[in-house]
Amino acid sequence: MAAFDSVFWRVLGAWGGLSLLAGCGAAPEERCVLLSSDFEQFEGWVSPLPSFLTTERAHSGRYSYYVGDGAEFVAPYRTTLEGCAFMPSRLRLQAWTYLTSGLIRSTKLVVEIRCHGRRPDIWRGLEVSQVVRRYQKWEHLTKTIHLPADLAPTDEVLVYVWCPERGAAKYFDDITLEGWR
């Protein structure tokens, strides 16, 4: 019985120690998610589906974000920096793209932060042709964007594909935008 009591008190003591540690508060998050979309969430919510969605190709699921032949851009995703519990010092944009051919010209995956006259807006584009080396295969894209310290939580964040020279069809899927401390 003494052995049981000894083990019982050690386990209880360990539990108490863990409880104290848990009570001290969790470490602050290092990142937040401003956008995470595989484009499946539209099904069942909107009919007809938005024109920028297609089932022709998808990296995951059934749908992807589609920029058709000759289109300059399609609908942007909009949010604010309030989506983070802290003001991020950098953003990390990630996506997958499927290009039908090398006729993409100067296609950019864009993150734009609109500050509504309070300070100059931020516009950063990931030049897709400088990253993708294979066509008719899904390729991973990533870009880190360093942010100035004077942004506000109400500043508007847009994510979109811009094709100023238009070109062949392009597909994007599994897009994420994370804010980092």
Protein backbone atom coordinates (compact mmCIF):
# COMPACT_ATOMS: atom_id res chain seq x y z
CA MET A 1 0.00 0.00 0.00
CA ALA A 2 2.87 2.38 0.73
CA ALA A 3 4.18 1.90 -2.82
CA PHE A 4 0.75 2.82 -4.21
CA ASP A 5 0.61 5.94 -2.02
CA SER A 6 4.07 6.99 -3.18
CA VAL A 7 3.18 6.60 -6.87
CA PHE A 8 -0.17 8.31 -6.31
CA TRP A 9 1.47 11.40 -4.76
CA ARG A 10 4.15 11.56 -7.48
CA VAL A 11 1.50 11.45 -10.21
CA LEU A 12 -0.65 13.99 -8.39
CA GLY A 13 2.41 16.24 -7.90
CA ALA A 14 3.27 16.01 -11.59
CA TRP A 15 -0.31 16.85 -12.49
CA GLY A 16 -0.25 19.81 -10.14
CA GLY A 17 3.01 21.04 -11.66
CA LEU A 18 1.54 20.77 -15.14
CA SER A 19 -1.57 22.60 -13.96
CA LEU A 20 0.56 25.43 -12.61
CA LEU A 21 2.44 25.66 -15.88
CA ALA A 22 -0.80 25.66 -17.85
CA GLY A 23 -2.17 28.36 -15.57
CA CYS A 24 0.73 30.67 -16.41
CA GLY A 25 -0.78 31.24 -19.83
CA ALA A 26 0.10 29.89 -23.20
CA ALA A 27 3.00 31.27 -25.15
CA PRO A 28 1.85 33.93 -27.61
CA GLU A 29 1.21 32.68 -31.11
CA GLU A 30 3.97 33.29 -33.61
CA ARG A 31 1.65 33.21 -36.62
CA CYS A 32 -1.93 33.71 -37.66
CA VAL A 33 -3.84 32.61 -40.75
CA LEU A 34 -5.39 35.38 -42.85
CA LEU A 35 -6.32 33.13 -45.77
CA SER A 36 -6.46 29.38 -46.20
CA SER A 37 -8.51 28.20 -49.15
CA ASP A 38 -8.71 25.04 -51.17
CA PHE A 39 -11.86 26.51 -52.82
CA GLU A 40 -14.06 23.59 -51.75
CA GLN A 41 -16.00 25.78 -49.30
CA PHE A 42 -18.09 27.41 -52.05
CA GLU A 43 -19.88 24.19 -53.00
CA GLY A 44 -23.38 24.23 -51.61
CA TRP A 45 -23.18 27.87 -50.48
CA VAL A 46 -23.38 29.68 -53.79
CA SER A 47 -25.27 28.71 -56.92
CA PRO A 48 -24.10 29.12 -59.55
CA LEU A 49 -20.49 28.86 -58.48
CA PRO A 50 -18.34 31.97 -59.04
CA SER A 51 -16.77 32.16 -62.49
CA PHE A 52 -13.26 32.05 -61.03
CA LEU A 53 -13.80 28.45 -59.84
CA THR A 54 -13.30 25.43 -62.03
CA THR A 55 -13.31 21.66 -61.75
CA GLU A 56 -11.03 21.27 -64.80
CA ARG A 57 -7.95 20.93 -62.57
CA ALA A 58 -7.39 20.94 -58.82
CA HIS A 59 -4.39 20.34 -56.60
CA SER A 60 -6.62 19.12 -53.78
CA GLY A 61 -10.33 18.47 -53.77
CA ARG A 62 -12.42 19.29 -56.84
CA TYR A 63 -12.04 23.06 -57.31
CA SER A 64 -9.31 25.55 -58.11
CA TYR A 65 -9.03 29.30 -58.75
CA TYR A 66 -9.04 29.81 -62.51
CA VAL A 67 -7.76 32.67 -64.66
CA GLY A 68 -8.94 31.98 -68.20
CA ASP A 69 -7.27 32.61 -71.53
CA GLY A 70 -6.85 36.34 -72.06
CA ALA A 71 -8.17 37.39 -68.62
CA GLU A 72 -6.27 40.13 -66.78
CA PHE A 73 -7.47 39.16 -63.29
CA VAL A 74 -10.42 37.68 -61.43
CA ALA A 75 -12.03 38.26 -58.03
CA PRO A 76 -9.66 39.07 -55.17
CA TYR A 77 -9.83 37.66 -51.65
CA ARG A 78 -10.34 40.47 -49.09
CA THR A 79 -9.67 40.60 -45.37
CA THR A 80 -8.05 42.97 -42.87
CA LEU A 81 -5.03 42.69 -40.62
CA GLU A 82 -7.53 42.43 -37.73
CA GLY A 83 -7.56 38.72 -38.60
CA CYS A 84 -4.38 38.48 -36.54
CA ALA A 85 -4.36 38.91 -32.76
CA PHE A 86 -1.10 40.84 -33.23
CA MET A 87 0.33 43.13 -35.88
CA PRO A 88 2.44 40.94 -38.19
CA SER A 89 5.95 41.98 -39.19
CA ARG A 90 5.83 39.76 -42.26
CA LEU A 91 3.42 37.75 -44.37
CA ARG A 92 4.02 34.36 -45.95
CA LEU A 93 2.07 33.63 -49.12
CA GLN A 94 1.93 30.04 -50.39
CA ALA A 95 0.00 28.47 -53.25
CA TRP A 96 0.08 25.78 -55.88
CA THR A 97 -0.19 26.62 -59.57
CA TYR A 98 -0.79 24.62 -62.72
CA LEU A 99 0.23 26.34 -65.92
CA THR A 100 -0.94 24.91 -69.21
CA SER A 101 2.05 26.31 -71.13
CA GLY A 102 4.87 28.82 -71.04
CA LEU A 103 2.53 31.44 -72.53
CA ILE A 104 1.86 32.98 -69.14
CA ARG A 105 3.87 36.13 -69.73
CA SER A 106 4.08 38.31 -66.60
CA THR A 107 1.54 36.61 -64.34
CA LYS A 108 1.81 37.63 -60.69
CA LEU A 109 0.29 36.29 -57.49
CA VAL A 110 -0.31 39.56 -55.64
CA VAL A 111 -0.67 40.64 -52.02
CA GLU A 112 -1.89 44.21 -51.72
CA ILE A 113 -2.41 46.11 -48.47
CA ARG A 114 -4.64 49.15 -48.81
CA CYS A 115 -4.09 51.74 -46.09
CA HIS A 116 -6.83 54.14 -47.34
CA GLY A 117 -4.65 57.26 -47.48
CA ARG A 118 -3.19 56.83 -44.00
CA ARG A 119 0.17 55.76 -45.49
CA PRO A 120 1.32 54.50 -48.92
CA ASP A 121 -0.28 51.21 -49.92
CA ILE A 122 1.83 48.05 -50.18
CA TRP A 123 1.84 45.99 -53.37
CA ARG A 124 3.97 42.84 -53.69
CA GLY A 125 3.77 40.43 -56.59
CA LEU A 126 5.29 37.00 -56.92
CA GLU A 127 6.37 36.69 -60.56
CA VAL A 128 5.08 33.20 -61.42
CA SER A 129 7.32 32.75 -64.48
CA GLN A 130 10.43 33.20 -62.32
CA VAL A 131 9.43 30.30 -60.08
CA VAL A 132 7.67 27.74 -62.28
CA ARG A 133 9.95 25.65 -64.47
CA ARG A 134 7.58 22.84 -65.46
CA TYR A 135 4.27 23.11 -67.23
CA GLN A 136 1.22 20.87 -67.00
CA LYS A 137 2.24 19.89 -63.46
CA TRP A 138 1.34 21.42 -60.11
CA GLU A 139 4.16 23.65 -58.81
CA HIS A 140 4.51 25.16 -55.32
CA LEU A 141 4.88 28.94 -54.91
CA THR A 142 5.98 30.81 -51.80
CA LYS A 143 6.84 34.43 -50.99
CA THR A 144 7.71 36.22 -47.77
CA ILE A 145 6.73 39.87 -47.53
CA HIS A 146 8.28 42.10 -44.85
CA LEU A 147 5.90 44.72 -43.53
CA PRO A 148 6.49 48.23 -42.17
CA ALA A 149 5.76 48.83 -38.49
CA ASP A 150 3.16 51.54 -39.11
CA LEU A 151 0.35 49.33 -40.43
CA ALA A 152 -3.04 49.33 -38.69
CA PRO A 153 -5.38 46.42 -37.92
CA THR A 154 -8.03 47.97 -40.20
CA ASP A 155 -5.73 47.99 -43.25
CA GLU A 156 -7.30 45.92 -46.01
CA VAL A 157 -5.45 42.89 -47.42
CA LEU A 158 -6.19 41.63 -50.94
CA VAL A 159 -4.85 38.48 -52.60
CA TYR A 160 -5.34 37.94 -56.33
CA VAL A 161 -3.73 36.85 -59.58
CA TRP A 162 -2.84 39.62 -62.03
CA CYS A 163 -2.01 38.91 -65.68
CA PRO A 164 -1.25 42.29 -67.28
CA GLU A 165 -0.21 40.68 -70.57
CA ARG A 166 -2.93 38.07 -70.29
CA GLY A 167 -1.87 34.76 -71.92
CA ALA A 168 -2.85 31.11 -71.49
CA ALA A 169 -5.11 29.65 -68.76
CA LYS A 170 -3.74 29.43 -65.22
CA TYR A 171 -4.93 27.46 -62.18
CA PHE A 172 -4.19 28.16 -58.50
CA ASP A 173 -5.14 26.08 -55.49
CA ASP A 174 -4.48 25.69 -51.76
CA ILE A 175 -3.65 29.34 -51.21
CA THR A 176 -2.57 30.41 -47.73
CA LEU A 177 -1.54 33.77 -46.32
CA GLU A 178 -0.06 33.76 -42.84
CA GLY A 179 0.94 36.69 -40.66
CA TRP A 180 4.11 36.22 -38.57
CA ARG A 181 5.39 38.18 -35.58
